[in-house]
N, C-alpha and C. Protein backbone atom coordinates (compact mmCIF):
# COMPACT_ATOMS: atom_id res chain seq x y z
N MET A 1 39.46 86.43 1.12
CA MET A 1 39.69 87.82 1.26
C MET A 1 40.12 88.51 2.78
N ARG A 2 41.31 88.99 2.78
CA ARG A 2 41.79 89.29 4.21
C ARG A 2 40.95 90.86 4.57
N LYS A 3 40.71 90.47 5.89
CA LYS A 3 39.75 91.67 6.66
C LYS A 3 40.73 92.57 7.41
N ILE A 4 40.51 93.77 7.12
CA ILE A 4 41.24 94.87 7.85
C ILE A 4 40.00 95.84 8.69
N LEU A 5 40.43 95.86 9.90
CA LEU A 5 39.75 96.90 10.88
C LEU A 5 40.34 98.20 10.69
N ILE A 6 39.37 99.15 10.38
CA ILE A 6 39.81 100.43 10.35
C ILE A 6 39.18 101.43 11.37
N VAL A 7 39.91 101.84 12.32
CA VAL A 7 39.54 102.56 13.58
C VAL A 7 39.89 103.93 13.40
N ASP A 8 38.88 104.75 13.34
CA ASP A 8 39.06 106.11 13.38
C ASP A 8 37.74 106.86 13.78
N ASP A 9 37.98 107.99 14.41
CA ASP A 9 36.72 108.71 14.85
C ASP A 9 35.96 109.58 13.85
N GLU A 10 36.98 109.83 12.52
CA GLU A 10 36.32 110.66 11.49
C GLU A 10 35.77 109.74 10.37
N GLU A 11 34.76 109.97 10.02
CA GLU A 11 33.98 108.96 9.03
C GLU A 11 34.70 109.42 7.61
N ARG A 12 35.18 110.49 7.38
CA ARG A 12 35.78 110.75 6.22
C ARG A 12 36.95 109.96 6.00
N MET A 13 37.85 109.77 7.09
CA MET A 13 39.07 109.18 6.98
C MET A 13 38.83 107.54 6.83
N ARG A 14 37.79 107.07 7.62
CA ARG A 14 37.33 105.52 7.37
C ARG A 14 36.96 105.34 5.97
N ASN A 15 36.12 106.12 5.34
CA ASN A 15 36.01 106.07 4.01
C ASN A 15 36.83 106.22 3.23
N LEU A 16 37.83 107.04 3.36
CA LEU A 16 39.01 107.25 2.40
C LEU A 16 40.08 105.95 2.47
N ILE A 17 40.16 105.39 3.55
CA ILE A 17 41.15 104.30 3.69
C ILE A 17 40.25 103.02 3.03
N SER A 18 39.23 103.05 3.22
CA SER A 18 38.32 101.96 2.37
C SER A 18 38.48 102.06 0.99
N LEU A 19 38.39 103.45 0.48
CA LEU A 19 38.34 103.50 -0.87
C LEU A 19 39.83 103.03 -1.36
N TYR A 20 40.76 103.20 -0.51
CA TYR A 20 42.17 102.75 -1.13
C TYR A 20 42.51 101.41 -1.04
N LEU A 21 41.96 100.73 0.12
CA LEU A 21 42.05 99.27 0.16
C LEU A 21 41.12 98.15 -0.56
N SER A 22 39.79 98.67 -0.73
CA SER A 22 39.05 97.76 -1.26
C SER A 22 39.37 97.17 -2.64
N PRO A 23 39.91 98.32 -3.70
CA PRO A 23 40.20 97.64 -4.96
C PRO A 23 41.35 96.82 -4.87
N ALA A 24 42.21 96.73 -3.82
CA ALA A 24 43.31 95.75 -3.50
C ALA A 24 42.83 94.51 -3.18
N GLY A 25 41.59 94.30 -2.82
CA GLY A 25 41.22 93.05 -2.53
C GLY A 25 40.94 92.72 -0.97
N TYR A 26 40.88 93.78 -0.29
CA TYR A 26 40.67 93.74 1.22
C TYR A 26 39.29 94.07 1.76
N GLU A 27 38.73 93.32 2.59
CA GLU A 27 37.43 93.61 3.11
C GLU A 27 37.67 94.61 4.34
N CYS A 28 37.28 95.77 4.27
CA CYS A 28 37.29 96.71 5.16
C CYS A 28 36.05 96.80 6.16
N VAL A 29 36.42 96.77 7.52
CA VAL A 29 35.40 96.97 8.59
C VAL A 29 35.56 98.02 9.47
N PRO A 30 34.71 99.12 8.97
CA PRO A 30 35.12 100.52 9.90
C PRO A 30 34.52 100.50 11.28
N LYS A 31 35.30 101.11 12.15
CA LYS A 31 34.96 101.19 13.61
C LYS A 31 35.19 102.82 14.06
N ALA A 32 34.21 103.23 14.83
CA ALA A 32 34.31 104.68 15.20
C ALA A 32 35.25 105.04 16.42
N SER A 33 35.52 103.98 17.11
CA SER A 33 36.40 104.14 18.54
C SER A 33 36.92 102.83 18.83
N GLY A 34 37.91 103.26 19.88
CA GLY A 34 38.68 102.26 20.23
C GLY A 34 37.55 101.09 21.05
N ALA A 35 36.84 101.53 21.75
CA ALA A 35 35.92 100.75 22.39
C ALA A 35 35.17 99.74 21.42
N GLU A 36 34.78 100.25 20.35
CA GLU A 36 34.16 99.29 19.31
C GLU A 36 35.08 98.50 18.76
N ALA A 37 36.24 98.75 18.53
CA ALA A 37 37.28 97.81 18.09
C ALA A 37 37.58 96.80 19.23
N VAL A 38 37.70 96.98 20.39
CA VAL A 38 38.08 96.10 21.27
C VAL A 38 36.87 95.17 21.47
N SER A 39 35.71 95.75 21.40
CA SER A 39 34.41 94.84 21.50
C SER A 39 34.52 93.91 20.34
N TYR A 40 34.71 94.36 19.07
CA TYR A 40 34.53 93.41 17.87
C TYR A 40 35.68 92.36 18.01
N LEU A 41 36.90 92.90 18.39
CA LEU A 41 37.87 91.82 18.56
C LEU A 41 37.64 90.69 19.60
N SER A 42 36.82 90.93 20.54
CA SER A 42 36.50 90.09 21.50
C SER A 42 35.73 88.96 20.90
N LYS A 43 35.01 89.28 19.79
CA LYS A 43 34.15 88.05 19.29
C LYS A 43 34.60 87.76 17.93
N LYS A 44 35.25 88.53 17.17
CA LYS A 44 35.62 88.21 15.83
C LYS A 44 37.18 88.50 15.63
N SER A 45 37.70 88.04 14.49
CA SER A 45 39.16 88.31 14.15
C SER A 45 39.10 89.07 12.92
N CYS A 46 40.13 89.69 12.67
CA CYS A 46 40.70 90.27 11.31
C CYS A 46 42.21 90.08 11.18
N ALA A 47 42.54 90.45 9.99
CA ALA A 47 43.97 90.04 9.60
C ALA A 47 44.90 91.38 9.92
N LEU A 48 44.33 92.52 10.05
CA LEU A 48 45.32 93.76 10.30
C LEU A 48 44.26 94.99 10.89
N ILE A 49 45.02 95.74 11.66
CA ILE A 49 43.99 96.86 12.17
C ILE A 49 44.91 98.28 11.63
N ILE A 50 44.19 99.05 11.25
CA ILE A 50 44.59 100.38 11.05
C ILE A 50 44.08 101.44 12.09
N LEU A 51 44.76 101.96 13.03
CA LEU A 51 44.35 102.43 14.28
C LEU A 51 44.74 104.07 14.34
N ASP A 52 43.78 104.80 14.32
CA ASP A 52 43.97 106.26 14.38
C ASP A 52 44.67 106.61 15.97
N VAL A 53 45.43 107.47 16.23
CA VAL A 53 46.00 107.70 17.73
C VAL A 53 45.08 108.80 18.31
N MET A 54 44.75 109.86 17.54
CA MET A 54 44.11 110.94 18.01
C MET A 54 42.42 110.69 18.04
N MET A 55 41.88 109.98 19.10
CA MET A 55 40.46 109.63 19.14
C MET A 55 39.87 109.96 20.73
N PRO A 56 38.71 110.65 20.75
CA PRO A 56 38.17 110.86 22.05
C PRO A 56 37.89 109.53 22.89
N ASP A 57 37.79 110.00 24.27
CA ASP A 57 37.54 108.86 25.05
C ASP A 57 38.57 107.68 25.40
N MET A 58 39.14 106.99 24.34
CA MET A 58 40.00 106.21 24.33
C MET A 58 40.89 106.28 23.09
N ASP A 59 42.12 106.97 23.46
CA ASP A 59 43.06 107.33 22.38
C ASP A 59 43.65 105.81 21.70
N GLY A 60 44.39 106.09 20.54
CA GLY A 60 44.99 104.94 19.94
C GLY A 60 46.06 104.07 20.71
N TRP A 61 46.74 104.84 21.43
CA TRP A 61 47.67 104.11 22.34
C TRP A 61 47.03 103.10 23.36
N GLU A 62 46.05 103.64 23.96
CA GLU A 62 45.17 102.99 25.03
C GLU A 62 44.43 101.65 24.32
N THR A 63 43.89 102.02 23.24
CA THR A 63 43.30 100.99 22.42
C THR A 63 44.45 100.13 21.96
N CYS A 64 45.42 100.41 21.48
CA CYS A 64 46.42 99.44 20.97
C CYS A 64 46.70 98.38 22.27
N LYS A 65 47.05 99.05 23.60
CA LYS A 65 47.09 98.25 24.82
C LYS A 65 46.07 97.20 25.04
N ARG A 66 44.86 97.58 24.87
CA ARG A 66 43.45 96.72 25.25
C ARG A 66 43.48 95.73 24.21
N ILE A 67 43.75 96.17 22.92
CA ILE A 67 43.98 94.97 21.82
C ILE A 67 44.99 93.97 22.22
N ARG A 68 46.16 94.42 22.63
CA ARG A 68 47.31 93.47 22.71
C ARG A 68 46.86 92.43 24.14
N GLU A 69 45.80 92.77 24.76
CA GLU A 69 45.57 91.96 25.89
C GLU A 69 44.69 90.85 25.29
N ILE A 70 44.15 90.94 24.21
CA ILE A 70 43.18 89.92 23.62
C ILE A 70 43.66 89.28 22.31
N SER A 71 44.52 89.92 21.60
CA SER A 71 44.95 89.72 20.10
C SER A 71 46.37 89.94 19.81
N ASP A 72 47.15 89.18 18.89
CA ASP A 72 48.33 89.73 18.59
C ASP A 72 48.33 90.08 17.10
N VAL A 73 47.04 90.41 16.57
CA VAL A 73 46.90 90.98 15.12
C VAL A 73 47.70 92.04 14.95
N PRO A 74 48.52 92.18 13.69
CA PRO A 74 49.18 93.30 13.39
C PRO A 74 48.40 94.66 13.37
N ILE A 75 49.19 95.69 13.93
CA ILE A 75 48.64 96.99 14.02
C ILE A 75 49.44 98.24 13.43
N ILE A 76 48.75 98.95 12.69
CA ILE A 76 49.36 100.07 11.90
C ILE A 76 48.75 101.28 12.56
N MET A 77 49.44 102.09 13.27
CA MET A 77 49.16 103.23 13.83
C MET A 77 49.08 104.35 12.93
N LEU A 78 48.06 105.35 12.90
CA LEU A 78 47.84 106.63 11.84
C LEU A 78 47.59 107.54 12.65
N THR A 79 48.49 108.68 12.33
CA THR A 79 48.43 109.95 13.05
C THR A 79 49.08 111.00 12.32
N ALA A 80 48.62 112.12 12.52
CA ALA A 80 49.30 113.43 12.06
C ALA A 80 50.48 113.85 13.02
N ARG A 81 50.75 113.03 14.17
CA ARG A 81 51.93 113.41 14.94
C ARG A 81 53.17 112.81 14.40
N THR A 82 54.31 113.61 14.32
CA THR A 82 55.50 112.97 13.67
C THR A 82 56.62 112.84 14.66
N ASP A 83 56.42 113.23 16.04
CA ASP A 83 57.40 113.33 17.04
C ASP A 83 57.86 111.96 17.31
N LYS A 84 59.39 111.62 17.38
CA LYS A 84 59.83 110.38 17.56
C LYS A 84 59.39 109.78 18.92
N SER A 85 58.84 110.58 19.94
CA SER A 85 58.48 109.86 20.95
C SER A 85 57.26 109.20 20.77
N ASP A 86 56.27 109.91 20.08
CA ASP A 86 55.08 109.53 19.92
C ASP A 86 55.19 108.21 19.16
N ILE A 87 56.19 108.02 18.20
CA ILE A 87 56.31 106.75 17.30
C ILE A 87 56.85 105.61 18.57
N VAL A 88 57.68 105.97 19.35
CA VAL A 88 58.27 104.93 20.54
C VAL A 88 57.19 104.73 21.17
N LYS A 89 56.23 105.60 21.68
CA LYS A 89 54.90 105.25 22.65
C LYS A 89 54.13 104.18 21.92
N GLY A 90 53.98 104.43 20.63
CA GLY A 90 53.01 103.26 19.73
C GLY A 90 53.52 102.08 19.92
N LEU A 91 54.88 101.99 19.60
CA LEU A 91 55.64 100.72 19.41
C LEU A 91 55.62 100.09 20.88
N GLY A 92 55.85 101.16 21.74
CA GLY A 92 55.85 100.31 23.12
C GLY A 92 54.41 99.89 23.62
N ALA A 93 53.31 100.42 22.96
CA ALA A 93 51.91 100.01 23.24
C ALA A 93 51.59 98.59 22.47
N GLY A 94 52.55 98.27 21.55
CA GLY A 94 52.36 97.05 20.78
C GLY A 94 51.97 97.17 19.15
N ALA A 95 52.28 98.31 18.75
CA ALA A 95 51.92 98.59 17.34
C ALA A 95 53.11 97.92 16.33
N ASP A 96 52.87 97.57 15.24
CA ASP A 96 53.84 96.96 14.54
C ASP A 96 54.38 98.09 13.38
N ASP A 97 53.72 99.17 13.17
CA ASP A 97 54.07 100.18 12.22
C ASP A 97 53.41 101.27 12.57
N TYR A 98 53.93 102.51 11.84
CA TYR A 98 53.31 103.86 12.19
C TYR A 98 53.26 104.52 10.85
N ILE A 99 52.19 105.18 10.39
CA ILE A 99 52.25 106.14 9.33
C ILE A 99 51.54 107.35 9.64
N THR A 100 52.21 108.25 9.21
CA THR A 100 51.82 109.71 9.42
C THR A 100 51.09 110.46 8.31
N LYS A 101 50.22 111.13 8.73
CA LYS A 101 49.14 111.71 7.71
C LYS A 101 49.90 113.10 7.27
N PRO A 102 49.64 113.56 6.00
CA PRO A 102 48.99 112.99 5.19
C PRO A 102 49.94 111.69 4.33
N PHE A 103 49.13 110.66 3.86
CA PHE A 103 49.72 109.60 3.19
C PHE A 103 48.99 109.10 1.90
N ASP A 104 49.50 108.50 0.92
CA ASP A 104 48.76 108.06 -0.41
C ASP A 104 48.72 106.70 -0.24
N SER A 105 47.70 106.19 -1.16
CA SER A 105 47.37 104.92 -1.14
C SER A 105 48.33 103.90 -1.47
N GLY A 106 49.50 104.25 -2.20
CA GLY A 106 50.74 103.43 -2.41
C GLY A 106 51.40 103.01 -1.13
N GLU A 107 51.52 104.31 -0.20
CA GLU A 107 52.45 103.95 0.71
C GLU A 107 51.71 103.07 1.79
N LEU A 108 50.30 103.36 2.01
CA LEU A 108 49.51 102.41 2.66
C LEU A 108 49.66 101.04 2.46
N LEU A 109 49.13 100.89 1.12
CA LEU A 109 49.41 99.35 0.51
C LEU A 109 50.72 98.64 0.97
N ALA A 110 51.81 99.33 0.54
CA ALA A 110 53.07 98.93 0.73
C ALA A 110 53.34 98.37 2.27
N ARG A 111 52.92 99.36 3.13
CA ARG A 111 53.09 99.03 4.52
C ARG A 111 52.40 97.76 5.08
N ILE A 112 51.07 97.83 4.46
CA ILE A 112 50.42 96.44 4.87
C ILE A 112 51.03 95.11 4.31
N GLU A 113 51.30 95.37 2.98
CA GLU A 113 51.82 94.36 2.45
C GLU A 113 53.15 93.65 2.96
N ALA A 114 53.97 94.62 3.55
CA ALA A 114 55.31 94.40 3.94
C ALA A 114 54.96 93.72 5.44
N ILE A 115 53.96 94.05 6.07
CA ILE A 115 53.70 93.56 7.21
C ILE A 115 53.21 92.00 7.24
N PHE A 116 52.43 91.77 6.24
CA PHE A 116 52.10 90.31 5.78
C PHE A 116 53.19 89.40 5.38
N ARG A 117 54.15 90.01 4.76
CA ARG A 117 55.29 89.37 4.21
C ARG A 117 56.15 88.97 5.24
N ARG A 118 56.34 89.89 6.18
CA ARG A 118 57.30 89.55 7.53
C ARG A 118 56.65 88.46 8.29
N ALA A 119 55.23 88.48 8.32
CA ALA A 119 54.56 87.49 9.10
C ALA A 119 54.65 86.15 8.61
N LYS A 120 54.58 86.19 7.27
CA LYS A 120 54.89 84.84 6.35
C LYS A 120 56.21 84.22 6.38
N LEU A 121 57.07 85.36 6.48
CA LEU A 121 58.59 84.80 6.71
C LEU A 121 58.76 84.32 8.15
N GLN A 122 58.17 84.77 9.01
CA GLN A 122 58.31 84.19 10.30
C GLN A 122 57.72 82.81 10.57
N GLU A 123 56.56 82.56 9.79
CA GLU A 123 55.90 81.31 9.78
C GLU A 123 56.48 80.33 9.06
N ASP A 124 57.60 80.54 8.19
CA ASP A 124 58.19 79.70 7.26
C ASP A 124 58.83 78.76 8.16
N THR A 125 58.99 77.31 7.58
CA THR A 125 59.95 76.49 8.26
C THR A 125 61.07 76.54 7.76
N LYS A 126 62.15 75.77 8.13
CA LYS A 126 63.67 75.71 7.68
C LYS A 126 63.74 75.42 6.25
N ILE A 127 64.83 76.11 5.63
CA ILE A 127 64.98 75.90 4.15
C ILE A 127 66.41 75.33 4.07
N SER A 128 66.68 74.37 3.41
CA SER A 128 67.95 73.59 3.15
C SER A 128 68.20 73.93 1.65
N PHE A 129 69.50 74.11 1.26
CA PHE A 129 70.01 74.42 -0.08
C PHE A 129 71.31 73.99 -0.13
N ASN A 130 71.87 72.96 -0.82
CA ASN A 130 73.31 72.63 -1.05
C ASN A 130 74.15 73.00 0.16
N GLY A 131 73.73 72.04 1.20
CA GLY A 131 74.32 72.10 2.57
C GLY A 131 73.96 73.39 3.38
N LEU A 132 73.34 74.41 2.86
CA LEU A 132 73.06 75.71 3.66
C LEU A 132 71.72 75.44 4.38
N THR A 133 71.48 75.69 5.72
CA THR A 133 70.24 75.65 6.31
C THR A 133 69.98 76.80 7.11
N TRP A 134 68.70 77.31 6.55
CA TRP A 134 68.21 78.55 7.22
C TRP A 134 66.94 78.11 8.05
N ASN A 135 67.06 78.33 9.33
CA ASN A 135 65.98 77.79 10.31
C ASN A 135 65.61 78.72 11.31
N PRO A 136 64.28 79.26 10.89
CA PRO A 136 63.67 80.25 11.72
C PRO A 136 63.23 79.97 13.03
N ASP A 137 63.26 78.79 13.28
CA ASP A 137 62.73 78.11 14.66
C ASP A 137 63.88 78.40 15.70
N SER A 138 65.06 78.02 15.21
CA SER A 138 66.37 78.37 16.17
C SER A 138 67.08 79.58 15.84
N TYR A 139 66.54 80.30 14.73
CA TYR A 139 67.03 81.55 14.31
C TYR A 139 68.58 81.22 13.90
N SER A 140 68.83 80.45 13.28
CA SER A 140 70.21 79.79 12.79
C SER A 140 70.48 79.79 11.30
N LEU A 141 71.70 80.05 10.88
CA LEU A 141 72.21 79.81 9.48
C LEU A 141 73.36 78.66 9.79
N ASN A 142 73.28 77.62 9.06
CA ASN A 142 74.45 76.70 9.08
C ASN A 142 74.74 76.20 7.60
N TYR A 143 76.20 75.91 7.52
CA TYR A 143 76.62 75.26 6.33
C TYR A 143 77.45 74.15 6.77
N GLN A 144 77.06 72.93 6.14
CA GLN A 144 77.44 71.64 6.58
C GLN A 144 77.62 71.42 7.92
N ASN A 145 76.44 71.82 8.65
CA ASN A 145 76.19 71.51 10.09
C ASN A 145 77.10 72.71 10.93
N LYS A 146 77.83 73.49 10.21
CA LYS A 146 78.63 74.65 11.01
C LYS A 146 77.91 75.85 11.02
N PRO A 147 77.79 76.43 12.29
CA PRO A 147 77.05 77.77 12.33
C PRO A 147 77.68 78.95 11.61
N ILE A 148 76.90 79.76 11.13
CA ILE A 148 77.43 81.16 10.57
C ILE A 148 76.79 82.18 11.23
N GLN A 149 77.82 82.94 11.82
CA GLN A 149 77.09 84.11 12.79
C GLN A 149 76.61 85.21 11.83
N ILE A 150 75.52 85.58 11.85
CA ILE A 150 74.87 86.84 11.22
C ILE A 150 73.84 87.47 11.90
N THR A 151 73.59 88.92 11.58
CA THR A 151 72.59 89.76 12.52
C THR A 151 71.37 89.25 12.09
N PRO A 152 70.34 89.60 13.01
CA PRO A 152 68.99 89.54 12.51
C PRO A 152 68.58 90.09 11.20
N LYS A 153 69.01 91.40 10.87
CA LYS A 153 68.68 91.80 9.44
C LYS A 153 69.20 91.01 8.33
N GLU A 154 70.38 90.50 8.58
CA GLU A 154 70.98 89.78 7.54
C GLU A 154 70.27 88.14 7.54
N PHE A 155 69.74 87.87 8.67
CA PHE A 155 69.38 86.60 8.89
C PHE A 155 67.91 86.62 7.91
N SER A 156 67.01 87.79 8.14
CA SER A 156 65.92 87.93 7.50
C SER A 156 66.05 88.32 5.99
N LEU A 157 67.13 89.01 5.46
CA LEU A 157 67.53 89.18 4.28
C LEU A 157 67.73 87.65 3.39
N ILE A 158 68.39 86.86 3.89
CA ILE A 158 68.89 85.75 3.14
C ILE A 158 67.71 84.91 3.15
N GLY A 159 66.85 84.89 4.31
CA GLY A 159 65.70 84.05 4.40
C GLY A 159 64.70 84.41 3.26
N LEU A 160 64.52 85.89 2.95
CA LEU A 160 63.59 86.15 2.05
C LEU A 160 64.16 85.70 0.66
N LEU A 161 65.27 86.01 0.36
CA LEU A 161 65.93 85.35 -0.84
C LEU A 161 65.80 84.08 -1.07
N LEU A 162 66.26 83.23 -0.11
CA LEU A 162 66.06 81.65 -0.22
C LEU A 162 64.71 81.32 -0.51
N LYS A 163 63.62 81.87 0.11
CA LYS A 163 62.37 81.62 -0.14
C LYS A 163 61.83 81.89 -1.39
N ASN A 164 62.51 82.80 -2.21
CA ASN A 164 61.99 83.40 -3.37
C ASN A 164 63.03 83.21 -4.49
N PRO A 165 63.37 82.10 -4.79
CA PRO A 165 64.73 81.86 -5.85
C PRO A 165 64.11 82.27 -7.26
N ASN A 166 65.19 82.86 -7.70
CA ASN A 166 65.24 83.56 -8.96
C ASN A 166 64.14 84.77 -9.15
N ARG A 167 63.81 85.33 -8.02
CA ARG A 167 62.94 86.63 -7.98
C ARG A 167 63.86 87.54 -7.74
N VAL A 168 63.73 88.64 -8.75
CA VAL A 168 64.68 89.94 -8.36
C VAL A 168 63.91 90.79 -7.51
N PHE A 169 64.42 91.29 -6.21
CA PHE A 169 64.08 92.07 -5.51
C PHE A 169 65.03 93.59 -5.58
N THR A 170 64.04 94.67 -5.73
CA THR A 170 64.79 95.96 -5.67
C THR A 170 65.13 96.36 -4.39
N ARG A 171 66.16 97.27 -4.29
CA ARG A 171 66.55 97.76 -2.88
C ARG A 171 65.15 98.37 -2.27
N ASP A 172 64.45 98.97 -2.73
CA ASP A 172 63.41 99.77 -2.21
C ASP A 172 62.63 98.64 -1.55
N GLN A 173 62.32 97.49 -2.29
CA GLN A 173 61.35 96.38 -1.80
C GLN A 173 61.96 95.63 -0.73
N LEU A 174 63.30 95.53 -0.77
CA LEU A 174 64.13 94.87 0.63
C LEU A 174 63.95 95.87 1.82
N LEU A 175 64.14 97.19 1.38
CA LEU A 175 64.19 98.04 2.75
C LEU A 175 62.60 97.93 3.21
N THR A 176 61.66 97.88 2.54
CA THR A 176 60.34 98.10 2.77
C THR A 176 59.89 96.65 3.61
N ILE A 177 60.31 95.41 2.90
CA ILE A 177 59.97 94.23 3.63
C ILE A 177 60.93 93.87 4.95
N ILE A 178 62.00 94.26 4.96
CA ILE A 178 62.73 93.62 5.99
C ILE A 178 62.90 94.75 7.12
N TRP A 179 63.04 95.94 6.85
CA TRP A 179 63.18 97.06 7.68
C TRP A 179 61.89 97.68 8.07
N GLY A 180 60.87 97.64 7.62
CA GLY A 180 59.53 98.08 7.89
C GLY A 180 59.40 99.56 8.41
N LEU A 181 59.54 99.80 9.67
CA LEU A 181 59.42 101.11 10.04
C LEU A 181 60.54 102.16 9.61
N GLU A 182 61.70 101.30 9.32
CA GLU A 182 62.99 102.10 9.18
C GLU A 182 63.18 102.22 7.54
N ALA A 183 61.89 102.27 6.82
CA ALA A 183 62.17 101.99 5.45
C ALA A 183 62.78 103.26 4.74
N GLY A 184 63.10 104.47 5.64
CA GLY A 184 63.69 105.59 5.24
C GLY A 184 65.11 105.49 5.10
N THR A 185 65.56 104.17 5.55
CA THR A 185 67.04 103.88 5.35
C THR A 185 67.42 103.99 4.09
N GLU A 186 68.68 104.38 3.81
CA GLU A 186 69.17 104.58 2.59
C GLU A 186 69.53 103.20 1.72
N ASP A 187 69.69 103.28 0.48
CA ASP A 187 69.92 101.89 -0.30
C ASP A 187 71.07 101.51 0.03
N ARG A 188 72.13 102.13 0.42
CA ARG A 188 73.53 101.63 0.52
C ARG A 188 73.41 100.66 1.83
N THR A 189 72.47 100.91 2.72
CA THR A 189 72.24 100.04 3.65
C THR A 189 72.10 98.34 3.10
N ILE A 190 71.19 98.32 2.15
CA ILE A 190 71.03 97.07 1.68
C ILE A 190 72.29 96.63 0.96
N ASP A 191 72.95 97.28 0.40
CA ASP A 191 74.18 96.92 -0.18
C ASP A 191 75.23 96.52 0.84
N SER A 192 75.34 97.06 1.92
CA SER A 192 76.33 96.80 2.93
C SER A 192 75.87 95.44 3.50
N HIS A 193 74.60 95.18 3.81
CA HIS A 193 74.16 93.98 4.30
C HIS A 193 74.37 92.78 3.56
N ILE A 194 74.25 93.04 2.06
CA ILE A 194 74.44 91.88 1.22
C ILE A 194 75.88 91.65 1.16
N ARG A 195 76.80 92.46 1.19
CA ARG A 195 78.29 92.49 1.17
C ARG A 195 78.87 91.68 2.34
N ASN A 196 77.98 91.95 3.61
CA ASN A 196 78.39 91.23 4.74
C ASN A 196 77.90 89.73 4.59
N ILE A 197 76.69 89.59 4.06
CA ILE A 197 76.36 88.01 3.79
C ILE A 197 77.15 87.51 2.98
N ARG A 198 77.52 87.96 1.98
CA ARG A 198 78.58 87.55 1.03
C ARG A 198 79.80 87.00 1.63
N ASP A 199 80.45 87.84 2.43
CA ASP A 199 81.53 87.70 3.17
C ASP A 199 81.64 86.40 4.16
N LYS A 200 80.54 86.52 4.89
CA LYS A 200 80.33 85.58 5.85
C LYS A 200 80.18 84.24 5.17
N LEU A 201 79.33 84.02 4.23
CA LEU A 201 79.07 82.79 3.69
C LEU A 201 80.27 82.34 2.95
N ARG A 202 80.90 82.99 2.17
CA ARG A 202 82.20 82.87 1.45
C ARG A 202 83.22 82.23 2.53
N ASN A 203 83.44 82.98 3.58
CA ASN A 203 84.54 82.57 4.49
C ASN A 203 84.00 80.81 5.29
N ALA A 204 82.58 80.73 5.14
CA ALA A 204 82.21 79.43 5.72
C ALA A 204 82.45 78.29 4.65
N GLY A 205 82.81 78.80 3.54
CA GLY A 205 82.91 77.86 2.43
C GLY A 205 81.81 77.77 1.29
N PHE A 206 80.82 78.19 1.58
CA PHE A 206 79.61 78.18 0.87
C PHE A 206 80.01 78.97 -0.62
N PRO A 207 79.58 78.60 -1.71
CA PRO A 207 79.78 79.18 -3.00
C PRO A 207 78.83 80.44 -3.22
N ILE A 208 78.74 81.37 -2.37
CA ILE A 208 77.66 82.20 -2.28
C ILE A 208 77.68 83.10 -3.62
N ASP A 209 79.00 83.31 -4.42
CA ASP A 209 78.98 84.18 -5.56
C ASP A 209 78.11 83.58 -6.65
N TYR A 210 78.06 82.29 -6.63
CA TYR A 210 77.17 81.61 -7.69
C TYR A 210 75.52 81.90 -7.50
N HIS A 211 75.05 82.14 -6.26
CA HIS A 211 73.78 82.09 -5.98
C HIS A 211 73.29 83.61 -5.52
N LEU A 212 74.07 84.30 -4.77
CA LEU A 212 73.53 85.53 -4.40
C LEU A 212 74.24 86.76 -5.44
N THR A 213 73.11 86.87 -6.37
CA THR A 213 73.60 87.70 -7.55
C THR A 213 73.06 89.17 -7.55
N THR A 214 74.00 90.10 -8.14
CA THR A 214 73.33 91.37 -8.36
C THR A 214 72.79 91.66 -9.63
N VAL A 215 71.69 92.40 -9.82
CA VAL A 215 71.12 92.68 -10.87
C VAL A 215 71.26 94.10 -11.07
N TRP A 216 72.29 94.43 -11.93
CA TRP A 216 72.85 95.79 -12.13
C TRP A 216 71.52 96.80 -12.26
N GLY A 217 71.44 97.90 -11.60
CA GLY A 217 70.67 99.00 -11.65
C GLY A 217 69.33 98.57 -11.12
N VAL A 218 69.14 97.50 -10.61
CA VAL A 218 67.89 97.01 -10.08
C VAL A 218 67.97 96.44 -8.60
N GLY A 219 68.41 95.53 -8.24
CA GLY A 219 68.70 94.86 -7.05
C GLY A 219 69.46 93.49 -6.80
N TYR A 220 68.81 92.40 -6.27
CA TYR A 220 69.37 91.33 -5.91
C TYR A 220 68.48 90.16 -6.08
N LYS A 221 69.09 88.88 -6.35
CA LYS A 221 68.19 87.78 -6.49
C LYS A 221 69.05 86.55 -5.95
N TRP A 222 68.37 85.44 -5.74
CA TRP A 222 68.99 84.22 -5.23
C TRP A 222 68.66 83.30 -6.66
N GLU A 223 69.81 82.74 -7.08
CA GLU A 223 69.57 81.76 -8.14
C GLU A 223 70.03 80.58 -7.74
N ASN A 224 68.79 79.64 -7.97
CA ASN A 224 69.13 77.98 -7.66
C ASN A 224 70.01 77.42 -8.69
N GLU A 225 70.00 77.86 -9.82
CA GLU A 225 70.69 76.95 -10.64
C GLU A 225 72.18 76.75 -10.50
């Protein structure tokens, strides 16, 4: 069971988040301050932290900086503030994602799952398929030992599809998993990236049209057959 640290000075919010996450199989550890969270992490570990920004004594930004001195655990910052400067400040402090209040259980769970999926994708070893090699260690894509130049988002997209053959991903799922914070991006962004991937692999000689297929009205999948 994955352990999630909930750091918020409001007991009601800590209880609400626990109520959302516990049925999904997460073990929730509530902490009422940044100092408590840092003290806990100096002795124990967790899989993810949900960190409120507006707290007395030590706010979420300072707490995030302190945590980053001792741990690289994923952090989702939680706040009622929606200014982009605040989001930038949180990311600069080391946060992985940012959710504004009010939020619902579905959004929170989707953000958590997306972070875990991205972490898993980054940990994967290279994948080889019919002469095509996707290598996260060197951040490279090759076909028959010849490099294919792709963008970071294209690299992540094709890696996710290769790792999950024959699974259909909706556009919304791809946006959440790959873009994370930018999940508000429009669906056509996915279509554009898929089109670019197809063009680049087709130009390299790989039979992409047989494998990266469109499921009309739903999304995309990678077919191994």
